[in-house]
PDB file of N, CA and C in Angstrom:
ATOM      1  N   MET A   1      17.547   7.349  21.453  1.00  0.00           N
ATOM      2  CA  MET A   1      17.695   7.128  20.021  1.00  0.00           C
ATOM      3  C   MET A   1      16.650   6.155  19.464  1.00  0.00           C
ATOM      4  N   PRO A   2      16.311   5.059  20.154  1.00  0.00           N
ATOM      5  CA  PRO A   2      15.289   4.147  19.608  1.00  0.00           C
ATOM      6  C   PRO A   2      13.930   4.836  19.434  1.00  0.00           C
ATOM      7  N   GLU A   3      13.624   5.817  20.311  1.00  0.00           N
ATOM      8  CA  GLU A   3      12.344   6.512  20.181  1.00  0.00           C
ATOM      9  C   GLU A   3      12.270   7.262  18.855  1.00  0.00           C
ATOM     10  N   ARG A   4      13.395   7.797  18.429  1.00  0.00           N
ATOM     11  CA  ARG A   4      13.453   8.534  17.173  1.00  0.00           C
ATOM     12  C   ARG A   4      13.162   7.615  15.984  1.00  0.00           C
ATOM     13  N   LYS A   5      13.685   6.406  16.048  1.00  0.00           N
ATOM     14  CA  LYS A   5      13.437   5.435  14.991  1.00  0.00           C
ATOM     15  C   LYS A   5      11.957   5.074  14.928  1.00  0.00           C
ATOM     16  N   ILE A   6      11.362   4.908  16.078  1.00  0.00           N
ATOM     17  CA  ILE A   6       9.942   4.564  16.131  1.00  0.00           C
ATOM     18  C   ILE A   6       9.103   5.694  15.538  1.00  0.00           C
ATOM     19  N   VAL A   7       9.460   6.924  15.859  1.00  0.00           N
ATOM     20  CA  VAL A   7       8.730   8.070  15.312  1.00  0.00           C
ATOM     21  C   VAL A   7       8.819   8.079  13.788  1.00  0.00           C
ATOM     22  N   TRP A   8      10.008   7.822  13.236  1.00  0.00           N
ATOM     23  CA  TRP A   8      10.158   7.806  11.780  1.00  0.00           C
ATOM     24  C   TRP A   8       9.378   6.655  11.148  1.00  0.00           C
ATOM     25  N   ILE A   9       9.349   5.513  11.789  1.00  0.00           N
ATOM     26  CA  ILE A   9       8.557   4.385  11.283  1.00  0.00           C
ATOM     27  C   ILE A   9       7.081   4.753  11.268  1.00  0.00           C
ATOM     28  N   LEU A  10       6.619   5.392  12.330  1.00  0.00           N
ATOM     29  CA  LEU A  10       5.218   5.808  12.387  1.00  0.00           C
ATOM     30  C   LEU A  10       4.897   6.859  11.325  1.00  0.00           C
ATOM     31  N   ILE A  11       5.813   7.784  11.101  1.00  0.00           N
ATOM     32  CA  ILE A  11       5.600   8.805  10.067  1.00  0.00           C
ATOM     33  C   ILE A  11       5.531   8.157   8.685  1.00  0.00           C
ATOM     34  N   CYS A  12       6.428   7.226   8.402  1.00  0.00           N
ATOM     35  CA  CYS A  12       6.420   6.526   7.110  1.00  0.00           C
ATOM     36  C   CYS A  12       5.135   5.736   6.922  1.00  0.00           C
ATOM     37  N   THR A  13       4.682   5.086   7.970  1.00  0.00           N
ATOM     38  CA  THR A  13       3.433   4.333   7.905  1.00  0.00           C
ATOM     39  C   THR A  13       2.261   5.267   7.651  1.00  0.00           C
ATOM     40  N   LEU A  14       2.243   6.399   8.328  1.00  0.00           N
ATOM     41  CA  LEU A  14       1.183   7.377   8.131  1.00  0.00           C
ATOM     42  C   LEU A  14       1.161   7.878   6.690  1.00  0.00           C
ATOM     43  N   ILE A  15       2.314   8.188   6.145  1.00  0.00           N
ATOM     44  CA  ILE A  15       2.381   8.695   4.771  1.00  0.00           C
ATOM     45  C   ILE A  15       1.924   7.639   3.771  1.00  0.00           C
ATOM     46  N   SER A  16       2.380   6.413   3.938  1.00  0.00           N
ATOM     47  CA  SER A  16       2.006   5.377   2.967  1.00  0.00           C
ATOM     48  C   SER A  16       0.520   5.046   3.067  1.00  0.00           C
ATOM     49  N   ASN A  17      -0.024   4.998   4.269  1.00  0.00           N
ATOM     50  CA  ASN A  17      -1.458   4.735   4.406  1.00  0.00           C
ATOM     51  C   ASN A  17      -2.282   5.921   3.920  1.00  0.00           C
ATOM     52  N   SER A  18      -1.778   7.117   4.094  1.00  0.00           N
ATOM     53  CA  SER A  18      -2.479   8.303   3.607  1.00  0.00           C
ATOM     54  C   SER A  18      -2.540   8.295   2.082  1.00  0.00           C
ATOM     55  N   ALA A  19      -1.489   7.843   1.452  1.00  0.00           N
ATOM     56  CA  ALA A  19      -1.475   7.789  -0.012  1.00  0.00           C
ATOM     57  C   ALA A  19      -2.575   6.857  -0.507  1.00  0.00           C
ATOM     58  N   TYR A  20      -2.730   5.711   0.119  1.00  0.00           N
ATOM     59  CA  TYR A  20      -3.804   4.782  -0.258  1.00  0.00           C
ATOM     60  C   TYR A  20      -5.161   5.408   0.044  1.00  0.00           C
ATOM     61  N   ALA A  21      -5.286   6.049   1.199  1.00  0.00           N
ATOM     62  CA  ALA A  21      -6.553   6.660   1.591  1.00  0.00           C
ATOM     63  C   ALA A  21      -6.938   7.804   0.659  1.00  0.00           C
ATOM     64  N   LEU A  22      -5.955   8.479   0.079  1.00  0.00           N
ATOM     65  CA  LEU A  22      -6.248   9.583  -0.835  1.00  0.00           C
ATOM     66  C   LEU A  22      -6.835   9.106  -2.165  1.00  0.00           C
ATOM     67  N   ILE A  23      -6.358   7.981  -2.664  1.00  0.00           N
ATOM     68  CA  ILE A  23      -6.879   7.516  -3.954  1.00  0.00           C
ATOM     69  C   ILE A  23      -8.106   6.631  -3.806  1.00  0.00           C
ATOM     70  N   ALA A  24      -8.308   6.034  -2.641  1.00  0.00           N
ATOM     71  CA  ALA A  24      -9.416   5.098  -2.445  1.00  0.00           C
ATOM     72  C   ALA A  24     -10.791   5.693  -2.765  1.00  0.00           C
ATOM     73  N   PRO A  25     -11.108   6.920  -2.381  1.00  0.00           N
ATOM     74  CA  PRO A  25     -12.440   7.451  -2.712  1.00  0.00           C
ATOM     75  C   PRO A  25     -12.655   7.687  -4.213  1.00  0.00           C
ATOM     76  N   PHE A  26     -11.578   7.899  -4.953  1.00  0.00           N
ATOM     77  CA  PHE A  26     -11.712   8.212  -6.370  1.00  0.00           C
ATOM     78  C   PHE A  26     -11.641   6.989  -7.276  1.00  0.00           C
ATOM     79  N   LEU A  27     -11.058   5.905  -6.791  1.00  0.00           N
ATOM     80  CA  LEU A  27     -10.929   4.711  -7.627  1.00  0.00           C
ATOM     81  C   LEU A  27     -12.274   4.149  -8.065  1.00  0.00           C
ATOM     82  N   PRO A  28     -13.258   4.007  -7.172  1.00  0.00           N
ATOM     83  CA  PRO A  28     -14.546   3.479  -7.649  1.00  0.00           C
ATOM     84  C   PRO A  28     -15.170   4.349  -8.749  1.00  0.00           C
ATOM     85  N   LEU A  29     -15.049   5.661  -8.625  1.00  0.00           N
ATOM     86  CA  LEU A  29     -15.594   6.545  -9.664  1.00  0.00           C
ATOM     87  C   LEU A  29     -14.874   6.334 -10.992  1.00  0.00           C
ATOM     88  N   GLU A  30     -13.563   6.222 -10.915  1.00  0.00           N
ATOM     89  CA  GLU A  30     -12.758   6.018 -12.123  1.00  0.00           C
ATOM     90  C   GLU A  30     -13.057   4.659 -12.753  1.00  0.00           C
ATOM     91  N   PHE A  31     -13.140   3.623 -11.920  1.00  0.00           N
ATOM     92  CA  PHE A  31     -13.434   2.282 -12.430  1.00  0.00           C
ATOM     93  C   PHE A  31     -14.834   2.211 -13.027  1.00  0.00           C
ATOM     94  N   LYS A  32     -15.798   2.860 -12.372  1.00  0.00           N
ATOM     95  CA  LYS A  32     -17.176   2.855 -12.867  1.00  0.00           C
ATOM     96  C   LYS A  32     -17.241   3.543 -14.230  1.00  0.00           C
ATOM     97  N   GLU A  33     -16.487   4.629 -14.369  1.00  0.00           N
ATOM     98  CA  GLU A  33     -16.418   5.358 -15.641  1.00  0.00           C
ATOM     99  C   GLU A  33     -15.847   4.474 -16.745  1.00  0.00           C
ATOM    100  N   LYS A  34     -14.980   3.554 -16.372  1.00  0.00           N
ATOM    101  CA  LYS A  34     -14.346   2.662 -17.347  1.00  0.00           C
ATOM    102  C   LYS A  34     -15.151   1.380 -17.550  1.00  0.00           C
ATOM    103  N   GLY A  35     -16.311   1.278 -16.873  1.00  0.00           N
ATOM    104  CA  GLY A  35     -17.188   0.129 -17.097  1.00  0.00           C
ATOM    105  C   GLY A  35     -16.918  -1.072 -16.212  1.00  0.00           C
ATOM    106  N   VAL A  36     -16.192  -0.896 -15.138  1.00  0.00           N
ATOM    107  CA  VAL A  36     -15.914  -2.004 -14.226  1.00  0.00           C
ATOM    108  C   VAL A  36     -17.124  -2.182 -13.308  1.00  0.00           C
ATOM    109  N   SER A  37     -17.561  -3.425 -13.098  1.00  0.00           N
ATOM    110  CA  SER A  37     -18.740  -3.685 -12.276  1.00  0.00           C
ATOM    111  C   SER A  37     -18.473  -3.382 -10.800  1.00  0.00           C
ATOM    112  N   LEU A  38     -19.541  -3.132 -10.060  1.00  0.00           N
ATOM    113  CA  LEU A  38     -19.423  -2.840  -8.633  1.00  0.00           C
ATOM    114  C   LEU A  38     -18.823  -4.022  -7.864  1.00  0.00           C
ATOM    115  N   GLU A  39     -19.168  -5.235  -8.280  1.00  0.00           N
ATOM    116  CA  GLU A  39     -18.616  -6.428  -7.627  1.00  0.00           C
ATOM    117  C   GLU A  39     -17.106  -6.497  -7.795  1.00  0.00           C
ATOM    118  N   MET A  40     -16.648  -6.167  -8.990  1.00  0.00           N
ATOM    119  CA  MET A  40     -15.208  -6.199  -9.263  1.00  0.00           C
ATOM    120  C   MET A  40     -14.484  -5.122  -8.466  1.00  0.00           C
ATOM    121  N   ILE A  41     -15.095  -3.945  -8.328  1.00  0.00           N
ATOM    122  CA  ILE A  41     -14.501  -2.871  -7.543  1.00  0.00           C
ATOM    123  C   ILE A  41     -14.361  -3.314  -6.092  1.00  0.00           C
ATOM    124  N   GLY A  42     -15.419  -3.925  -5.542  1.00  0.00           N
ATOM    125  CA  GLY A  42     -15.368  -4.433  -4.172  1.00  0.00           C
ATOM    126  C   GLY A  42     -14.313  -5.505  -4.013  1.00  0.00           C
ATOM    127  N   LEU A  43     -14.194  -6.365  -5.001  1.00  0.00           N
ATOM    128  CA  LEU A  43     -13.192  -7.429  -4.970  1.00  0.00           C
ATOM    129  C   LEU A  43     -11.776  -6.853  -4.969  1.00  0.00           C
ATOM    130  N   MET A  44     -11.556  -5.792  -5.727  1.00  0.00           N
ATOM    131  CA  MET A  44     -10.221  -5.175  -5.767  1.00  0.00           C
ATOM    132  C   MET A  44      -9.832  -4.605  -4.395  1.00  0.00           C
ATOM    133  N   PHE A  45     -10.783  -3.955  -3.746  1.00  0.00           N
ATOM    134  CA  PHE A  45     -10.498  -3.415  -2.420  1.00  0.00           C
ATOM    135  C   PHE A  45     -10.304  -4.536  -1.402  1.00  0.00           C
ATOM    136  N   ALA A  46     -11.064  -5.614  -1.531  1.00  0.00           N
ATOM    137  CA  ALA A  46     -10.926  -6.747  -0.612  1.00  0.00           C
ATOM    138  C   ALA A  46      -9.583  -7.448  -0.809  1.00  0.00           C
ATOM    139  N   ILE A  47      -9.139  -7.556  -2.037  1.00  0.00           N
ATOM    140  CA  ILE A  47      -7.864  -8.218  -2.327  1.00  0.00           C
ATOM    141  C   ILE A  47      -6.713  -7.479  -1.660  1.00  0.00           C
ATOM    142  N   TYR A  48      -6.786  -6.161  -1.606  1.00  0.00           N
ATOM    143  CA  TYR A  48      -5.745  -5.383  -0.938  1.00  0.00           C
ATOM    144  C   TYR A  48      -5.628  -5.811   0.528  1.00  0.00           C
ATOM    145  N   SER A  49      -6.764  -5.893   1.208  1.00  0.00           N
ATOM    146  CA  SER A  49      -6.743  -6.274   2.622  1.00  0.00           C
ATOM    147  C   SER A  49      -6.268  -7.713   2.811  1.00  0.00           C
ATOM    148  N   VAL A  50      -6.716  -8.601   1.964  1.00  0.00           N
ATOM    149  CA  VAL A  50      -6.290 -10.005   2.055  1.00  0.00           C
ATOM    150  C   VAL A  50      -4.783 -10.115   1.806  1.00  0.00           C
ATOM    151  N   ALA A  51      -4.276  -9.364   0.838  1.00  0.00           N
ATOM    152  CA  ALA A  51      -2.839  -9.395   0.549  1.00  0.00           C
ATOM    153  C   ALA A  51      -2.032  -8.902   1.746  1.00  0.00           C
ATOM    154  N   VAL A  52      -2.523  -7.878   2.430  1.00  0.00           N
ATOM    155  CA  VAL A  52      -1.830  -7.386   3.622  1.00  0.00           C
ATOM    156  C   VAL A  52      -1.779  -8.473   4.685  1.00  0.00           C
ATOM    157  N   ILE A  53      -2.896  -9.155   4.904  1.00  0.00           N
ATOM    158  CA  ILE A  53      -2.953 -10.207   5.924  1.00  0.00           C
ATOM    159  C   ILE A  53      -2.023 -11.361   5.560  1.00  0.00           C
ATOM    160  N   LEU A  54      -2.032 -11.780   4.310  1.00  0.00           N
ATOM    161  CA  LEU A  54      -1.224 -12.929   3.891  1.00  0.00           C
ATOM    162  C   LEU A  54       0.268 -12.617   3.828  1.00  0.00           C
ATOM    163  N   CYS A  55       0.613 -11.395   3.464  1.00  0.00           N
ATOM    164  CA  CYS A  55       2.024 -11.049   3.305  1.00  0.00           C
ATOM    165  C   CYS A  55       2.694 -10.603   4.601  1.00  0.00           C
ATOM    166  N   SER A  56       1.917 -10.251   5.605  1.00  0.00           N
ATOM    167  CA  SER A  56       2.495  -9.745   6.855  1.00  0.00           C
ATOM    168  C   SER A  56       3.496 -10.705   7.505  1.00  0.00           C
ATOM    169  N   PRO A  57       3.200 -12.001   7.623  1.00  0.00           N
ATOM    170  CA  PRO A  57       4.203 -12.895   8.232  1.00  0.00           C
ATOM    171  C   PRO A  57       5.500 -12.974   7.416  1.00  0.00           C
ATOM    172  N   LEU A  58       5.372 -13.013   6.101  1.00  0.00           N
ATOM    173  CA  LEU A  58       6.553 -13.074   5.235  1.00  0.00           C
ATOM    174  C   LEU A  58       7.379 -11.799   5.376  1.00  0.00           C
ATOM    175  N   VAL A  59       6.712 -10.662   5.387  1.00  0.00           N
ATOM    176  CA  VAL A  59       7.410  -9.382   5.535  1.00  0.00           C
ATOM    177  C   VAL A  59       8.070  -9.300   6.911  1.00  0.00           C
ATOM    178  N   GLY A  60       7.400  -9.805   7.936  1.00  0.00           N
ATOM    179  CA  GLY A  60       7.973  -9.806   9.285  1.00  0.00           C
ATOM    180  C   GLY A  60       9.282 -10.576   9.345  1.00  0.00           C
ATOM    181  N   LYS A  61       9.341 -11.719   8.680  1.00  0.00           N
ATOM    182  CA  LYS A  61      10.577 -12.500   8.647  1.00  0.00           C
ATOM    183  C   LYS A  61      11.653 -11.807   7.812  1.00  0.00           C
ATOM    184  N   THR A  62      11.235 -11.165   6.729  1.00  0.00           N
ATOM    185  CA  THR A  62      12.180 -10.477   5.859  1.00  0.00           C
ATOM    186  C   THR A  62      12.793  -9.268   6.549  1.00  0.00           C
ATOM    187  N   VAL A  63      12.002  -8.586   7.384  1.00  0.00           N
ATOM    188  CA  VAL A  63      12.514  -7.419   8.109  1.00  0.00           C
ATOM    189  C   VAL A  63      13.696  -7.816   8.977  1.00  0.00           C
ATOM    190  N   ALA A  64      13.626  -8.985   9.592  1.00  0.00           N
ATOM    191  CA  ALA A  64      14.720  -9.450  10.441  1.00  0.00           C
ATOM    192  C   ALA A  64      16.004  -9.641   9.638  1.00  0.00           C
ATOM    193  N   LEU A  65      15.881 -10.026   8.386  1.00  0.00           N
ATOM    194  CA  LEU A  65      17.062 -10.256   7.538  1.00  0.00           C
ATOM    195  C   LEU A  65      17.586  -8.975   6.897  1.00  0.00           C
ATOM    196  N   VAL A  66      16.685  -8.130   6.411  1.00  0.00           N
ATOM    197  CA  VAL A  66      17.064  -6.960   5.627  1.00  0.00           C
ATOM    198  C   VAL A  66      17.260  -5.723   6.484  1.00  0.00           C
ATOM    199  N   GLY A  67      16.477  -5.606   7.541  1.00  0.00           N
ATOM    200  CA  GLY A  67      16.539  -4.420   8.399  1.00  0.00           C
ATOM    201  C   GLY A  67      15.315  -3.535   8.209  1.00  0.00           C
ATOM    202  N   ASN A  68      14.965  -2.820   9.263  1.00  0.00           N
ATOM    203  CA  ASN A  68      13.766  -1.978   9.245  1.00  0.00           C
ATOM    204  C   ASN A  68      13.813  -0.902   8.173  1.00  0.00           C
ATOM    205  N   THR A  69      14.892  -0.153   8.159  1.00  0.00           N
ATOM    206  CA  THR A  69      14.988   0.989   7.255  1.00  0.00           C
ATOM    207  C   THR A  69      14.928   0.556   5.793  1.00  0.00           C
ATOM    208  N   ASN A  70      15.654  -0.486   5.449  1.00  0.00           N
ATOM    209  CA  ASN A  70      15.651  -0.970   4.061  1.00  0.00           C
ATOM    210  C   ASN A  70      14.275  -1.481   3.662  1.00  0.00           C
ATOM    211  N   MET A  71      13.601  -2.163   4.576  1.00  0.00           N
ATOM    212  CA  MET A  71      12.286  -2.720   4.267  1.00  0.00           C
ATOM    213  C   MET A  71      11.251  -1.615   4.104  1.00  0.00           C
ATOM    214  N   ILE A  72      11.311  -0.605   4.949  1.00  0.00           N
ATOM    215  CA  ILE A  72      10.377   0.519   4.827  1.00  0.00           C
ATOM    216  C   ILE A  72      10.624   1.250   3.516  1.00  0.00           C
ATOM    217  N   SER A  73      11.885   1.461   3.178  1.00  0.00           N
ATOM    218  CA  SER A  73      12.210   2.137   1.913  1.00  0.00           C
ATOM    219  C   SER A  73      11.713   1.334   0.718  1.00  0.00           C
ATOM    220  N   LEU A  74      11.912   0.040   0.752  1.00  0.00           N
ATOM    221  CA  LEU A  74      11.441  -0.827  -0.322  1.00  0.00           C
ATOM    222  C   LEU A  74       9.919  -0.788  -0.426  1.00  0.00           C
ATOM    223  N   GLY A  75       9.249  -0.831   0.701  1.00  0.00           N
ATOM    224  CA  GLY A  75       7.790  -0.795   0.709  1.00  0.00           C
ATOM    225  C   GLY A  75       7.237   0.504   0.162  1.00  0.00           C
ATOM    226  N   ILE A  76       7.813   1.612   0.568  1.00  0.00           N
ATOM    227  CA  ILE A  76       7.338   2.911   0.089  1.00  0.00           C
ATOM    228  C   ILE A  76       7.629   3.069  -1.402  1.00  0.00           C
ATOM    229  N   ALA A  77       8.785   2.599  -1.843  1.00  0.00           N
ATOM    230  CA  ALA A  77       9.122   2.674  -3.271  1.00  0.00           C
ATOM    231  C   ALA A  77       8.165   1.802  -4.094  1.00  0.00           C
ATOM    232  N   THR A  78       7.845   0.622  -3.602  1.00  0.00           N
ATOM    233  CA  THR A  78       6.918  -0.266  -4.300  1.00  0.00           C
ATOM    234  C   THR A  78       5.530   0.344  -4.373  1.00  0.00           C
ATOM    235  N   MET A  79       5.086   0.924  -3.263  1.00  0.00           N
ATOM    236  CA  MET A  79       3.772   1.553  -3.246  1.00  0.00           C
ATOM    237  C   MET A  79       3.738   2.746  -4.213  1.00  0.00           C
ATOM    238  N   GLY A  80       4.794   3.545  -4.236  1.00  0.00           N
ATOM    239  CA  GLY A  80       4.855   4.670  -5.153  1.00  0.00           C
ATOM    240  C   GLY A  80       4.809   4.217  -6.604  1.00  0.00           C
ATOM    241  N   LEU A  81       5.543   3.154  -6.915  1.00  0.00           N
ATOM    242  CA  LEU A  81       5.535   2.609  -8.273  1.00  0.00           C
ATOM    243  C   LEU A  81       4.139   2.121  -8.656  1.00  0.00           C
ATOM    244  N   ALA A  82       3.464   1.475  -7.721  1.00  0.00           N
ATOM    245  CA  ALA A  82       2.109   0.994  -7.988  1.00  0.00           C
ATOM    246  C   ALA A  82       1.169   2.163  -8.281  1.00  0.00           C
ATOM    247  N   PHE A  83       1.303   3.252  -7.524  1.00  0.00           N
ATOM    248  CA  PHE A  83       0.449   4.421  -7.770  1.00  0.00           C
ATOM    249  C   PHE A  83       0.725   5.023  -9.139  1.00  0.00           C
ATOM    250  N   VAL A  84       1.988   5.073  -9.539  1.00  0.00           N
ATOM    251  CA  VAL A  84       2.325   5.602 -10.860  1.00  0.00           C
ATOM    252  C   VAL A  84       1.742   4.687 -11.945  1.00  0.00           C
ATOM    253  N   LEU A  85       1.857   3.378 -11.747  1.00  0.00           N
ATOM    254  CA  LEU A  85       1.335   2.432 -12.741  1.00  0.00           C
ATOM    255  C   LEU A  85      -0.190   2.502 -12.853  1.00  0.00           C
ATOM    256  N   PHE A  86      -0.868   2.890 -11.768  1.00  0.00           N
ATOM    257  CA  PHE A  86      -2.319   3.079 -11.838  1.00  0.00           C
ATOM    258  C   PHE A  86      -2.678   4.096 -12.916  1.00  0.00           C
ATOM    259  N   GLY A  87      -1.826   5.078 -13.108  1.00  0.00           N
ATOM    260  CA  GLY A  87      -2.088   6.105 -14.105  1.00  0.00           C
ATOM    261  C   GLY A  87      -2.063   5.594 -15.540  1.00  0.00           C
ATOM    262  N   PHE A  88      -1.421   4.454 -15.756  1.00  0.00           N
ATOM    263  CA  PHE A  88      -1.314   3.893 -17.101  1.00  0.00           C
ATOM    264  C   PHE A  88      -2.386   2.858 -17.420  1.00  0.00           C
ATOM    265  N   ILE A  89      -3.319   2.648 -16.490  1.00  0.00           N
ATOM    266  CA  ILE A  89      -4.395   1.689 -16.750  1.00  0.00           C
ATOM    267  C   ILE A  89      -5.314   2.270 -17.824  1.00  0.00           C
ATOM    268  N   PRO A  90      -5.516   1.522 -18.905  1.00  0.00           N
ATOM    269  CA  PRO A  90      -6.360   2.068 -19.995  1.00  0.00           C
ATOM    270  C   PRO A  90      -7.831   2.115 -19.595  1.00  0.00           C
TER     271      PRO A  90
END
């Protein structure tokens, strides 16, 4: 049974990372079209990685309190909301 849980965690991770990977090639084109400088585009991508590094310890402690399944669901829901909100950027 634990192997099944691990497989689902890996599938969820794959899907969430794939969602980011799908929009990443198009974001610079979209930002450039809107007049955002190349430095700012690079900074936005760098901030994502820095946020992952800084938030990982906090998320690790929270997982112990909330549980794996709830934390994964919350993370995927948050990521989905962020992608939807990207569509409303003027």
